[in-house]
Amino acid sequence: MDIYAINPDYQHILKFLYNADRKYCALVDKNMLKLDKLDPDSDKYHDFAERSAQSEAELYDIYRDNYVWKLPQRELSAFSKNYTAFHGYEPYLV
């Protein structure tokens, strides 16, 4: 996906945001696949679900703190619109 900022000053931050969102999506998908393989009634399932939710929340906070607050709303809206058109779902971090 080609990422273009409205204001060129934000171009590099948008690229970082896109890469961070893709990494976050990959982590969520990986954790869901592992959960699907476990028995939902087992302790292992619940332990992994708790650990994965914690790690996802920590990564989410780190990425949001590093990238999202640095961008104005119009850049985020344009990014979200383009991301949704390309991937078919909204970005997790915006």
Protein backbone atom coordinates (compact mmCIF):
# COMPACT_ATOMS: atom_id res chain seq x y z
CA MET A 1 0.00 0.00 0.00
CA ASP A 2 1.32 3.42 -0.93
CA ILE A 3 0.93 5.94 1.85
CA TYR A 4 0.70 9.64 1.06
CA ALA A 5 0.25 12.32 3.69
CA ILE A 6 -1.76 15.47 3.07
CA ASN A 7 1.09 17.44 4.60
CA PRO A 8 4.49 16.00 3.54
CA ASP A 9 5.87 16.73 7.01
CA TYR A 10 3.85 13.78 8.32
CA GLN A 11 4.84 11.29 5.62
CA HIS A 12 7.43 9.42 7.67
CA ILE A 13 5.13 9.16 10.71
CA LEU A 14 2.36 7.71 8.54
CA LYS A 15 4.74 5.08 7.18
CA PHE A 16 5.73 4.12 10.71
CA LEU A 17 2.05 4.03 11.72
CA TYR A 18 1.20 1.76 8.80
CA ASN A 19 4.03 -0.65 9.62
CA ALA A 20 3.09 -0.62 13.31
CA ASP A 21 -0.54 -1.36 12.46
CA ARG A 22 0.45 -4.29 10.24
CA LYS A 23 2.69 -5.69 13.00
CA TYR A 24 -0.14 -5.32 15.50
CA CYS A 25 -2.59 -7.04 13.13
CA ALA A 26 -0.11 -9.91 12.67
CA LEU A 27 0.23 -10.31 16.45
CA VAL A 28 -3.55 -10.38 16.94
CA ASP A 29 -3.98 -12.91 14.14
CA LYS A 30 -1.16 -15.10 15.48
CA ASN A 31 -2.68 -15.09 18.96
CA MET A 32 -6.14 -15.93 17.61
CA LEU A 33 -4.74 -18.89 15.67
CA LYS A 34 -3.09 -20.21 18.81
CA LEU A 35 -6.32 -19.79 20.77
CA ASP A 36 -8.27 -21.62 18.08
CA LYS A 37 -6.00 -24.65 18.53
CA LEU A 38 -6.57 -24.83 22.29
CA ASP A 39 -9.56 -26.31 24.09
CA PRO A 40 -11.77 -23.41 25.28
CA ASP A 41 -12.48 -25.21 28.56
CA SER A 42 -8.84 -25.72 29.51
CA ASP A 43 -6.74 -23.66 31.88
CA LYS A 44 -4.11 -23.37 29.15
CA TYR A 45 -6.63 -21.56 26.95
CA HIS A 46 -7.55 -19.04 29.64
CA ASP A 47 -3.93 -18.45 30.65
CA PHE A 48 -2.89 -17.85 27.06
CA ALA A 49 -5.91 -15.62 26.41
CA GLU A 50 -4.99 -13.48 29.41
CA ARG A 51 -1.31 -13.26 28.45
CA SER A 52 -2.05 -12.47 24.83
CA ALA A 53 -4.60 -9.80 25.75
CA GLN A 54 -2.02 -8.20 28.05
CA SER A 55 0.72 -8.24 25.41
CA GLU A 56 -1.65 -6.87 22.76
CA ALA A 57 -2.75 -4.06 25.08
CA GLU A 58 0.85 -3.13 25.89
CA LEU A 59 1.85 -3.07 22.23
CA TYR A 60 -1.29 -1.10 21.33
CA ASP A 61 -0.45 1.56 23.93
CA ILE A 62 3.17 1.78 22.79
CA TYR A 63 2.23 2.23 19.14
CA ARG A 64 -0.52 4.74 19.87
CA ASP A 65 1.77 6.75 22.12
CA ASN A 66 4.58 6.75 19.53
CA TYR A 67 2.62 7.61 16.40
CA VAL A 68 -1.06 8.51 16.64
CA TRP A 69 -0.85 11.52 18.95
CA LYS A 70 1.73 13.12 16.63
CA LEU A 71 -0.72 13.32 13.72
CA PRO A 72 -3.58 15.76 13.20
CA GLN A 73 -7.09 14.36 12.82
CA ARG A 74 -7.29 15.05 9.08
CA GLU A 75 -4.14 12.96 8.47
CA LEU A 76 -5.58 10.14 10.58
CA SER A 77 -8.91 10.30 8.73
CA ALA A 78 -7.25 10.20 5.33
CA PHE A 79 -4.98 7.36 6.43
CA SER A 80 -7.91 5.39 7.80
CA LYS A 81 -9.91 5.88 4.60
CA ASN A 82 -7.05 4.69 2.37
CA TYR A 83 -6.21 1.80 4.69
CA THR A 84 -9.82 0.63 4.72
CA ALA A 85 -10.06 0.85 0.94
CA PHE A 86 -6.90 -1.22 0.54
CA HIS A 87 -7.29 -3.83 3.31
CA GLY A 88 -11.07 -3.97 3.67
CA TYR A 89 -11.13 -3.17 7.39
CA GLU A 90 -10.26 -0.19 9.55
CA PRO A 91 -6.80 0.14 11.08
CA TYR A 92 -6.58 -1.07 14.66
CA LEU A 93 -4.43 1.79 15.90
CA VAL A 94 -6.48 4.73 14.63
